[in-house]
Amino acid sequence: MVQNILNKFVGAKYITILKAWIPNMATWGTVGGVALVYFTDWRLILDYVPYINQKFKKDE
């Protein structure tokens, strides 16, 4: 059903191309996410991860 709707708007050729690119996009998205955490203030981002934010409590 979803494929029929996509075929109407996009076309079968582009759906096939997209299916081939999904693993590549997932890999580069993961690399980009890790690079974002690495090059920015890691505490700013990792404070939202439940296990990690309890490990590094600030002494106030």
N, C-alpha and C. Protein backbone atom coordinates (compact mmCIF):
# COMPACT_ATOMS: atom_id res chain seq x y z
N MET A 1 0.82 -1.19 0.00
CA MET A 1 0.00 0.00 0.00
C MET A 1 0.87 1.26 0.00
N VAL A 2 1.87 1.30 0.88
CA VAL A 2 2.75 2.46 0.93
C VAL A 2 3.54 2.57 -0.37
N GLN A 3 3.95 1.44 -0.90
CA GLN A 3 4.71 1.43 -2.16
C GLN A 3 3.87 1.99 -3.30
N ASN A 4 2.59 1.68 -3.32
CA ASN A 4 1.71 2.21 -4.36
C ASN A 4 1.61 3.73 -4.28
N ILE A 5 1.53 4.25 -3.08
CA ILE A 5 1.45 5.69 -2.89
C ILE A 5 2.76 6.35 -3.32
N LEU A 6 3.89 5.75 -2.93
CA LEU A 6 5.18 6.29 -3.34
C LEU A 6 5.37 6.22 -4.84
N ASN A 7 4.90 5.15 -5.47
CA ASN A 7 5.03 5.03 -6.92
C ASN A 7 4.29 6.14 -7.65
N LYS A 8 3.18 6.59 -7.08
CA LYS A 8 2.41 7.67 -7.68
C LYS A 8 3.19 8.98 -7.68
N PHE A 9 3.86 9.27 -6.56
CA PHE A 9 4.53 10.55 -6.40
C PHE A 9 5.97 10.55 -6.89
N VAL A 10 6.69 9.46 -6.65
CA VAL A 10 8.12 9.46 -6.91
C VAL A 10 8.47 8.63 -8.14
N GLY A 11 7.98 7.44 -8.22
CA GLY A 11 8.31 6.56 -9.32
C GLY A 11 9.13 5.38 -8.86
N ALA A 12 8.97 4.26 -9.54
CA ALA A 12 9.63 3.02 -9.15
C ALA A 12 11.14 3.11 -9.28
N LYS A 13 11.62 3.83 -10.28
CA LYS A 13 13.06 3.95 -10.49
C LYS A 13 13.73 4.61 -9.28
N TYR A 14 13.15 5.68 -8.79
CA TYR A 14 13.75 6.41 -7.68
C TYR A 14 13.61 5.66 -6.35
N ILE A 15 12.57 4.87 -6.21
CA ILE A 15 12.41 4.04 -5.01
C ILE A 15 13.50 2.98 -4.97
N THR A 16 13.83 2.39 -6.12
CA THR A 16 14.90 1.40 -6.19
C THR A 16 16.25 2.04 -5.85
N ILE A 17 16.50 3.24 -6.36
CA ILE A 17 17.74 3.94 -6.05
C ILE A 17 17.82 4.26 -4.55
N LEU A 18 16.71 4.69 -3.99
CA LEU A 18 16.68 5.02 -2.57
C LEU A 18 16.96 3.79 -1.71
N LYS A 19 16.39 2.65 -2.08
CA LYS A 19 16.64 1.42 -1.32
C LYS A 19 18.11 1.04 -1.34
N ALA A 20 18.78 1.32 -2.44
CA ALA A 20 20.21 1.00 -2.53
C ALA A 20 21.05 1.96 -1.67
N TRP A 21 20.57 3.19 -1.47
CA TRP A 21 21.34 4.19 -0.74
C TRP A 21 21.06 4.20 0.76
N ILE A 22 20.05 3.51 1.23
CA ILE A 22 19.68 3.56 2.65
C ILE A 22 20.83 3.13 3.58
N PRO A 23 21.53 2.02 3.32
CA PRO A 23 22.65 1.67 4.22
C PRO A 23 23.76 2.73 4.22
N ASN A 24 24.04 3.29 3.07
CA ASN A 24 25.07 4.32 2.98
C ASN A 24 24.67 5.57 3.75
N MET A 25 23.41 5.98 3.62
CA MET A 25 22.94 7.16 4.35
C MET A 25 22.94 6.92 5.86
N ALA A 26 22.59 5.70 6.27
CA ALA A 26 22.60 5.39 7.70
C ALA A 26 24.02 5.43 8.25
N THR A 27 24.97 4.92 7.49
CA THR A 27 26.36 4.93 7.93
C THR A 27 26.89 6.35 8.06
N TRP A 28 26.67 7.17 7.05
CA TRP A 28 27.17 8.55 7.09
C TRP A 28 26.41 9.38 8.13
N GLY A 29 25.16 9.06 8.38
CA GLY A 29 24.43 9.75 9.43
C GLY A 29 25.01 9.44 10.80
N THR A 30 25.37 8.19 11.00
CA THR A 30 26.00 7.80 12.27
C THR A 30 27.36 8.47 12.43
N VAL A 31 28.15 8.49 11.36
CA VAL A 31 29.45 9.15 11.40
C VAL A 31 29.28 10.64 11.69
N GLY A 32 28.30 11.25 11.09
CA GLY A 32 28.04 12.67 11.34
C GLY A 32 27.62 12.93 12.77
N GLY A 33 26.80 12.05 13.32
CA GLY A 33 26.38 12.20 14.72
C GLY A 33 27.53 12.07 15.69
N VAL A 34 28.40 11.09 15.44
CA VAL A 34 29.57 10.91 16.30
C VAL A 34 30.51 12.11 16.16
N ALA A 35 30.69 12.61 14.95
CA ALA A 35 31.55 13.77 14.74
C ALA A 35 30.97 15.00 15.44
N LEU A 36 29.67 15.15 15.42
CA LEU A 36 29.03 16.27 16.11
C LEU A 36 29.33 16.22 17.61
N VAL A 37 29.20 15.04 18.20
CA VAL A 37 29.49 14.90 19.63
C VAL A 37 30.98 15.14 19.89
N TYR A 38 31.84 14.68 19.00
CA TYR A 38 33.28 14.81 19.21
C TYR A 38 33.74 16.26 19.11
N PHE A 39 33.26 16.99 18.13
CA PHE A 39 33.75 18.33 17.88
C PHE A 39 33.01 19.42 18.67
N THR A 40 31.92 19.07 19.32
CA THR A 40 31.23 20.05 20.15
C THR A 40 31.50 19.71 21.61
N ASP A 41 30.89 20.45 22.48
CA ASP A 41 31.04 20.19 23.91
C ASP A 41 30.30 18.90 24.22
N TRP A 42 31.03 17.83 24.47
CA TRP A 42 30.41 16.51 24.64
C TRP A 42 29.49 16.47 25.84
N ARG A 43 29.77 17.26 26.88
CA ARG A 43 28.89 17.27 28.05
C ARG A 43 27.53 17.85 27.71
N LEU A 44 27.50 18.82 26.82
CA LEU A 44 26.24 19.45 26.42
C LEU A 44 25.29 18.42 25.82
N ILE A 45 25.81 17.55 24.99
CA ILE A 45 24.98 16.55 24.30
C ILE A 45 24.75 15.33 25.18
N LEU A 46 25.80 14.85 25.85
CA LEU A 46 25.67 13.61 26.61
C LEU A 46 24.95 13.80 27.95
N ASP A 47 24.66 15.02 28.34
CA ASP A 47 23.85 15.23 29.55
C ASP A 47 22.43 14.72 29.36
N TYR A 48 22.00 14.52 28.11
CA TYR A 48 20.65 14.02 27.85
C TYR A 48 20.59 12.50 27.78
N VAL A 49 21.72 11.82 27.87
CA VAL A 49 21.75 10.36 27.87
C VAL A 49 21.63 9.92 29.33
N PRO A 50 20.58 9.16 29.69
CA PRO A 50 20.30 8.89 31.11
C PRO A 50 21.44 8.22 31.87
N TYR A 51 22.07 7.22 31.34
CA TYR A 51 23.11 6.50 32.08
C TYR A 51 24.34 7.38 32.28
N ILE A 52 24.69 8.14 31.28
CA ILE A 52 25.92 8.92 31.34
C ILE A 52 25.76 10.18 32.20
N ASN A 53 24.59 10.81 32.18
CA ASN A 53 24.45 12.06 32.93
C ASN A 53 24.48 11.83 34.43
N GLN A 54 24.20 10.62 34.91
CA GLN A 54 24.31 10.33 36.34
C GLN A 54 25.75 10.03 36.73
N LYS A 55 26.54 9.61 35.78
CA LYS A 55 27.92 9.23 36.04
C LYS A 55 28.81 10.45 36.30
N PHE A 56 28.54 11.57 35.65
CA PHE A 56 29.36 12.75 35.73
C PHE A 56 28.58 13.90 36.35
N LYS A 57 28.19 13.76 37.59
CA LYS A 57 27.46 14.83 38.28
C LYS A 57 28.42 15.98 38.59
N LYS A 58 27.90 17.20 38.46
CA LYS A 58 28.71 18.38 38.80
C LYS A 58 28.65 18.59 40.31
N ASP A 59 29.79 18.89 40.90
CA ASP A 59 29.82 19.19 42.33
C ASP A 59 29.44 20.65 42.52
N GLU A 60 28.30 20.86 43.16
CA GLU A 60 27.84 22.24 43.35
C GLU A 60 27.88 22.60 44.81
